[in-house]
C-alpha atoms as a PDB file:
ATOM      1  CA  MET A   1     -52.768 -24.614  -1.151  1.00  0.00           C
ATOM      2  CA  ASP A   2     -51.812 -27.264  -3.720  1.00  0.00           C
ATOM      3  CA  MET A   3     -48.216 -28.180  -4.564  1.00  0.00           C
ATOM      4  CA  ASN A   4     -48.167 -26.398  -7.938  1.00  0.00           C
ATOM      5  CA  SER A   5     -49.190 -23.061  -6.488  1.00  0.00           C
ATOM      6  CA  PHE A   6     -46.782 -23.564  -3.575  1.00  0.00           C
ATOM      7  CA  PHE A   7     -43.845 -24.095  -5.947  1.00  0.00           C
ATOM      8  CA  SER A   8     -44.967 -21.252  -8.219  1.00  0.00           C
ATOM      9  CA  ASP A   9     -45.163 -18.927  -5.232  1.00  0.00           C
ATOM     10  CA  LEU A  10     -41.768 -20.131  -3.984  1.00  0.00           C
ATOM     11  CA  GLN A  11     -40.230 -19.642  -7.417  1.00  0.00           C
ATOM     12  CA  GLY A  12     -41.681 -16.126  -7.617  1.00  0.00           C
ATOM     13  CA  LYS A  13     -40.244 -15.203  -4.220  1.00  0.00           C
ATOM     14  CA  ILE A  14     -36.818 -16.624  -5.141  1.00  0.00           C
ATOM     15  CA  ASN A  15     -36.807 -14.717  -8.436  1.00  0.00           C
ATOM     16  CA  GLN A  16     -37.834 -11.545  -6.645  1.00  0.00           C
ATOM     17  CA  ALA A  17     -35.046 -12.011  -4.089  1.00  0.00           C
ATOM     18  CA  ILE A  18     -32.472 -12.623  -6.816  1.00  0.00           C
ATOM     19  CA  ASP A  19     -33.643  -9.602  -8.835  1.00  0.00           C
ATOM     20  CA  SER A  20     -33.199  -7.313  -5.850  1.00  0.00           C
ATOM     21  CA  SER A  21     -29.887  -8.825  -4.707  1.00  0.00           C
ATOM     22  CA  PRO A  22     -26.309  -8.024  -5.707  1.00  0.00           C
ATOM     23  CA  ALA A  23     -26.180 -11.423  -7.397  1.00  0.00           C
ATOM     24  CA  LYS A  24     -28.138  -9.992 -10.344  1.00  0.00           C
ATOM     25  CA  ASP A  25     -25.596  -7.187 -10.766  1.00  0.00           C
ATOM     26  CA  ILE A  26     -22.741  -9.676 -10.586  1.00  0.00           C
ATOM     27  CA  GLU A  27     -24.424 -11.823 -13.212  1.00  0.00           C
ATOM     28  CA  LYS A  28     -24.847  -8.816 -15.528  1.00  0.00           C
ATOM     29  CA  ASN A  29     -21.218  -7.779 -15.034  1.00  0.00           C
ATOM     30  CA  VAL A  30     -19.910 -11.292 -15.678  1.00  0.00           C
ATOM     31  CA  LYS A  31     -22.018 -11.591 -18.831  1.00  0.00           C
ATOM     32  CA  ALA A  32     -20.740  -8.218 -20.059  1.00  0.00           C
ATOM     33  CA  MET A  33     -17.119  -9.193 -19.377  1.00  0.00           C
ATOM     34  CA  MET A  34     -17.533 -12.548 -21.100  1.00  0.00           C
ATOM     35  CA  THR A  35     -19.230 -10.951 -24.109  1.00  0.00           C
ATOM     36  CA  GLN A  36     -16.410  -8.436 -24.373  1.00  0.00           C
ATOM     37  CA  GLY A  37     -13.798 -11.181 -24.040  1.00  0.00           C
ATOM     38  CA  PHE A  38     -15.476 -13.389 -26.644  1.00  0.00           C
ATOM     39  CA  SER A  39     -15.748 -10.486 -29.072  1.00  0.00           C
ATOM     40  CA  LYS A  40     -11.943 -10.179 -29.021  1.00  0.00           C
ATOM     41  CA  LEU A  41     -11.560 -13.838 -29.996  1.00  0.00           C
ATOM     42  CA  ASP A  42     -11.897 -15.039 -33.565  1.00  0.00           C
ATOM     43  CA  LEU A  43     -15.023 -17.122 -32.972  1.00  0.00           C
ATOM     44  CA  VAL A  44     -17.866 -18.111 -35.276  1.00  0.00           C
ATOM     45  CA  THR A  45     -21.482 -18.646 -34.435  1.00  0.00           C
ATOM     46  CA  ARG A  46     -22.940 -22.127 -34.323  1.00  0.00           C
ATOM     47  CA  GLU A  47     -25.000 -21.297 -37.413  1.00  0.00           C
ATOM     48  CA  GLU A  48     -21.875 -20.290 -39.363  1.00  0.00           C
ATOM     49  CA  PHE A  49     -20.103 -23.449 -38.199  1.00  0.00           C
ATOM     50  CA  ASP A  50     -23.012 -25.667 -39.269  1.00  0.00           C
ATOM     51  CA  ILE A  51     -23.147 -23.997 -42.697  1.00  0.00           C
ATOM     52  CA  GLN A  52     -19.420 -24.504 -43.222  1.00  0.00           C
ATOM     53  CA  ALA A  53     -19.705 -28.127 -42.087  1.00  0.00           C
ATOM     54  CA  GLN A  54     -22.418 -28.676 -44.736  1.00  0.00           C
ATOM     55  CA  VAL A  55     -20.275 -27.014 -47.410  1.00  0.00           C
ATOM     56  CA  LEU A  56     -17.344 -29.212 -46.421  1.00  0.00           C
ATOM     57  CA  ALA A  57     -19.484 -32.364 -46.564  1.00  0.00           C
ATOM     58  CA  LYS A  58     -20.723 -31.465 -50.076  1.00  0.00           C
ATOM     59  CA  THR A  59     -17.179 -30.686 -51.199  1.00  0.00           C
ATOM     60  CA  ARG A  60     -15.926 -34.015 -49.860  1.00  0.00           C
ATOM     61  CA  ALA A  61     -18.707 -35.870 -51.678  1.00  0.00           C
ATOM     62  CA  LYS A  62     -17.844 -34.104 -54.952  1.00  0.00           C
ATOM     63  CA  LEU A  63     -14.144 -34.846 -54.443  1.00  0.00           C
ATOM     64  CA  GLU A  64     -14.850 -38.534 -53.850  1.00  0.00           C
ATOM     65  CA  ALA A  65     -16.996 -38.676 -57.009  1.00  0.00           C
ATOM     66  CA  LEU A  66     -14.244 -36.987 -59.010  1.00  0.00           C
ATOM     67  CA  GLU A  67     -11.654 -39.417 -57.628  1.00  0.00           C
ATOM     68  CA  VAL A  68     -13.783 -42.368 -58.758  1.00  0.00           C
ATOM     69  CA  ARG A  69     -14.279 -40.802 -62.191  1.00  0.00           C
ATOM     70  CA  MET A  70     -10.555 -40.082 -62.507  1.00  0.00           C
ATOM     71  CA  ALA A  71      -9.703 -43.684 -61.619  1.00  0.00           C
ATOM     72  CA  GLU A  72     -12.145 -44.923 -64.286  1.00  0.00           C
ATOM     73  CA  LEU A  73     -10.603 -42.622 -66.906  1.00  0.00           C
ATOM     74  CA  GLU A  74      -7.081 -43.700 -65.951  1.00  0.00           C
ATOM     75  CA  THR A  75      -8.127 -47.339 -66.296  1.00  0.00           C
ATOM     76  CA  ARG A  76      -9.562 -46.654 -69.749  1.00  0.00           C
ATOM     77  CA  LEU A  77      -6.387 -44.896 -70.842  1.00  0.00           C
ATOM     78  CA  ALA A  78      -4.259 -47.789 -69.596  1.00  0.00           C
ATOM     79  CA  GLU A  79      -6.176 -50.304 -71.751  1.00  0.00           C
ATOM     80  CA  PRO A  80      -4.681 -51.053 -75.156  1.00  0.00           C
ATOM     81  CA  ALA A  81      -6.414 -49.358 -78.054  1.00  0.00           C
ATOM     82  CA  PRO A  82      -8.447 -51.600 -80.344  1.00  0.00           C
ATOM     83  CA  PRO A  83      -6.873 -52.220 -83.743  1.00  0.00           C
ATOM     84  CA  ILE A  84      -7.901 -49.875 -86.530  1.00  0.00           C
ATOM     85  CA  LYS A  85      -9.639 -51.602 -89.458  1.00  0.00           C
ATOM     86  CA  ASP A  86      -9.253 -50.319 -92.987  1.00  0.00           C
END
């Protein structure tokens, strides 16, 4: 018997023992309790968080561009007007 088949067989026996043990029921109950507890919290999914982070990054970039543009316009307004020729 080679090492790969030995470990595969061992893994299969461990999985079989866990599936037929009370540990599996405990795991299911803990997962159910945690899911129920998390559903009561005001949480967002990772996907929703990532989308909002992208929106925020775009908004910040637009804000920075507008701040630069505003500063340029304020500088122009602060400059004296050229004399009017008749």
